[in-house]
């Protein structure tokens, strides 16, 4: 039996590639994505069009996408929350996992978000944990896995140029390395 495609995921992925997309293009792109995932689904059906429209409505009400109108078309784009949701989906997706073979480089992320941005800080901590980072100190996260590109994109997308620092190095002092190993055993 074929895996049921997620229309909301397909919509979020479609919107992630462009600044804004007209409604008809969203529907066409999502139908193509569904067709790629499940070859036994008829994407021309009224049910599929209804499901796409319903998913768009739910994403709008959840604040994950936003809508605006131009002269003759309705356009959609991802919100900041939508980008965060898509990043979580991508981390949960097994096919997006990076190699678990250590390439000899340590990834260190320094996270410094003030208390008034606590929800953003907690979301970033969640993503760091999902990506295999270990918290060595309150705001210092270390990993052996090459997720630095993901966090570079998050940093850029969310405008966190001074709140996140990403370091890739081939050396850690012995004590820090021991601490990392101990924390990964827990």
Protein backbone atom coordinates (compact mmCIF):
# COMPACT_ATOMS: atom_id res chain seq x y z
CA UNK A 1 0.00 0.00 0.00
CA UNK A 2 1.33 3.44 -0.93
CA UNK A 3 2.10 6.01 1.73
CA UNK A 4 -0.54 8.73 1.98
CA UNK A 5 1.01 12.07 0.98
CA UNK A 6 0.78 15.05 3.29
CA UNK A 7 -0.80 17.93 1.43
CA UNK A 8 0.23 20.46 4.08
CA UNK A 9 3.88 19.35 3.84
CA UNK A 10 3.72 19.60 0.06
CA UNK A 11 2.29 23.13 0.31
CA UNK A 12 4.98 24.24 2.78
CA UNK A 13 7.74 22.77 0.60
CA UNK A 14 6.27 24.41 -2.51
CA UNK A 15 6.18 27.80 -0.81
CA UNK A 16 9.72 27.42 0.56
CA UNK A 17 11.21 27.71 -2.92
CA UNK A 18 9.82 31.13 -3.81
CA UNK A 19 8.99 34.46 -2.20
CA UNK A 20 5.29 34.28 -3.12
CA UNK A 21 3.24 31.97 -5.31
CA UNK A 22 -0.20 32.49 -6.89
CA UNK A 23 -3.01 30.14 -5.80
CA UNK A 24 -3.22 28.26 -9.12
CA UNK A 25 0.54 27.59 -9.10
CA UNK A 26 0.36 26.31 -5.51
CA UNK A 27 -2.37 23.86 -6.51
CA UNK A 28 -0.48 22.68 -9.60
CA UNK A 29 2.83 22.26 -7.74
CA UNK A 30 1.16 20.42 -4.86
CA UNK A 31 -0.69 18.12 -7.26
CA UNK A 32 2.63 17.29 -8.97
CA UNK A 33 4.26 16.60 -5.60
CA UNK A 34 1.41 14.29 -4.62
CA UNK A 35 1.66 12.51 -7.96
CA UNK A 36 5.40 11.92 -7.37
CA UNK A 37 4.71 10.44 -3.92
CA UNK A 38 1.73 8.26 -4.89
CA UNK A 39 1.25 7.11 -8.43
CA UNK A 40 -2.18 5.61 -7.72
CA UNK A 41 -3.84 8.94 -6.81
CA UNK A 42 -5.91 10.89 -9.30
CA UNK A 43 -4.83 14.50 -8.68
CA UNK A 44 -7.48 15.88 -11.02
CA UNK A 45 -10.27 14.75 -8.73
CA UNK A 46 -12.57 17.16 -6.96
CA UNK A 47 -11.59 15.52 -3.66
CA UNK A 48 -7.92 16.38 -4.17
CA UNK A 49 -8.70 20.00 -5.10
CA UNK A 50 -10.92 20.28 -2.04
CA UNK A 51 -8.19 18.74 0.16
CA UNK A 52 -5.61 21.23 -1.15
CA UNK A 53 -7.97 24.18 -0.59
CA UNK A 54 -8.80 22.92 2.90
CA UNK A 55 -5.12 22.48 3.74
CA UNK A 56 -4.35 26.01 2.57
CA UNK A 57 -7.18 27.33 4.76
CA UNK A 58 -5.81 25.41 7.77
CA UNK A 59 -2.25 26.66 7.16
CA UNK A 60 -3.58 30.23 6.95
CA UNK A 61 -5.52 29.88 10.20
CA UNK A 62 -2.49 28.32 11.93
CA UNK A 63 -0.37 31.29 10.83
CA UNK A 64 2.07 29.12 8.85
CA UNK A 65 1.34 30.86 5.55
CA UNK A 66 -0.05 34.26 4.67
CA UNK A 67 -2.16 35.44 1.79
CA UNK A 68 -2.26 38.69 -0.12
CA UNK A 69 -4.01 39.83 -3.28
CA UNK A 70 -2.73 41.56 -6.36
CA UNK A 71 -4.87 42.83 -9.24
CA UNK A 72 -6.17 39.47 -10.44
CA UNK A 73 -4.56 36.80 -8.28
CA UNK A 74 -4.28 35.62 -4.72
CA UNK A 75 -0.70 34.91 -3.57
CA UNK A 76 0.70 32.88 -0.68
CA UNK A 77 4.02 32.83 1.15
CA UNK A 78 5.52 31.20 4.23
CA UNK A 79 5.53 33.06 7.52
CA UNK A 80 8.35 32.80 10.04
CA UNK A 81 6.34 30.12 11.88
CA UNK A 82 5.87 28.31 8.57
CA UNK A 83 9.63 28.27 8.00
CA UNK A 84 10.15 26.87 11.51
CA UNK A 85 7.52 24.19 10.89
CA UNK A 86 9.15 23.23 7.58
CA UNK A 87 12.56 22.98 9.26
CA UNK A 88 11.03 20.63 11.86
CA UNK A 89 9.44 18.54 9.10
CA UNK A 90 12.75 18.31 7.25
CA UNK A 91 14.55 17.18 10.41
CA UNK A 92 11.89 14.52 11.09
CA UNK A 93 12.09 13.22 7.52
CA UNK A 94 14.40 10.19 7.45
CA UNK A 95 15.52 10.90 3.90
CA UNK A 96 16.96 14.26 4.98
CA UNK A 97 19.24 12.82 7.65
CA UNK A 98 22.90 13.55 7.17
CA UNK A 99 25.68 11.03 7.47
CA UNK A 100 26.30 9.68 10.93
CA UNK A 101 29.94 9.06 10.05
CA UNK A 102 32.15 11.62 11.71
CA UNK A 103 34.17 13.60 9.17
CA UNK A 104 36.65 14.87 11.76
CA UNK A 105 35.00 18.28 12.22
CA UNK A 106 33.16 19.55 15.27
CA UNK A 107 30.16 21.83 14.82
CA UNK A 108 29.74 24.36 17.61
CA UNK A 109 26.74 26.65 17.81
CA UNK A 110 26.61 29.52 20.28
CA UNK A 111 23.03 30.56 20.93
CA UNK A 112 22.25 33.85 22.66
CA UNK A 113 18.59 34.85 22.57
CA UNK A 114 17.25 37.15 25.33
CA UNK A 115 14.43 36.16 27.68
CA UNK A 116 11.84 38.18 25.73
CA UNK A 117 12.43 35.83 22.76
CA UNK A 118 12.04 32.68 24.83
CA UNK A 119 9.74 30.88 22.36
CA UNK A 120 12.29 31.32 19.55
CA UNK A 121 15.07 30.15 21.84
CA UNK A 122 13.11 27.03 22.81
CA UNK A 123 12.32 26.27 19.14
CA UNK A 124 16.01 26.55 18.25
CA UNK A 125 16.99 24.31 21.18
CA UNK A 126 14.47 21.75 19.97
CA UNK A 127 15.98 21.85 16.46
CA UNK A 128 19.49 21.56 17.85
CA UNK A 129 18.52 18.46 19.85
CA UNK A 130 16.79 16.92 16.80
CA UNK A 131 19.95 17.54 14.77
CA UNK A 132 22.08 15.65 17.31
CA UNK A 133 23.66 18.63 19.04
CA UNK A 134 24.52 18.31 22.73
CA UNK A 135 24.34 21.26 25.12
CA UNK A 136 27.77 21.55 26.76
CA UNK A 137 27.03 24.82 28.57
CA UNK A 138 23.87 26.94 28.74
CA UNK A 139 24.23 28.33 25.26
CA UNK A 140 26.98 26.19 23.71
CA UNK A 141 25.89 23.28 21.51
CA UNK A 142 28.30 20.76 19.95
CA UNK A 143 27.81 18.07 17.32
CA UNK A 144 29.87 15.74 15.17
CA UNK A 145 27.28 15.76 12.38
CA UNK A 146 27.26 18.20 9.44
CA UNK A 147 24.07 20.14 10.18
CA UNK A 148 25.81 23.51 10.12
CA UNK A 149 24.26 24.37 6.74
CA UNK A 150 20.76 23.92 8.13
CA UNK A 151 21.51 26.28 10.99
CA UNK A 152 23.24 28.75 8.67
CA UNK A 153 19.98 28.88 6.68
CA UNK A 154 17.88 29.22 9.85
CA UNK A 155 20.18 32.02 11.01
CA UNK A 156 19.76 33.83 7.69
CA UNK A 157 16.01 33.17 7.31
CA UNK A 158 15.15 34.33 10.82
CA UNK A 159 17.55 37.27 10.84
CA UNK A 160 19.58 35.98 13.80
CA UNK A 161 22.93 37.35 12.66
CA UNK A 162 24.06 38.38 16.15
CA UNK A 163 22.15 35.76 18.17
CA UNK A 164 23.69 32.62 16.63
CA UNK A 165 27.36 31.93 15.98
CA UNK A 166 28.34 28.80 14.04
CA UNK A 167 31.84 27.39 14.29
CA UNK A 168 33.25 24.39 12.43
CA UNK A 169 36.62 23.18 13.70
CA UNK A 170 38.76 20.08 13.65
CA UNK A 171 40.02 20.48 17.23
CA UNK A 172 38.48 20.56 20.70
CA UNK A 173 40.42 20.46 23.94
CA UNK A 174 40.50 17.05 25.64
CA UNK A 175 38.23 18.04 28.54
CA UNK A 176 35.51 19.41 26.26
CA UNK A 177 35.70 16.32 24.09
CA UNK A 178 35.35 14.08 27.18
CA UNK A 179 32.38 16.15 28.38
CA UNK A 180 30.72 15.79 24.96
CA UNK A 181 31.22 12.00 24.99
CA UNK A 182 29.79 11.75 28.53
CA UNK A 183 26.75 13.85 27.63
CA UNK A 184 26.01 11.79 24.50
CA UNK A 185 25.91 8.62 26.62
CA UNK A 186 23.02 9.99 28.73
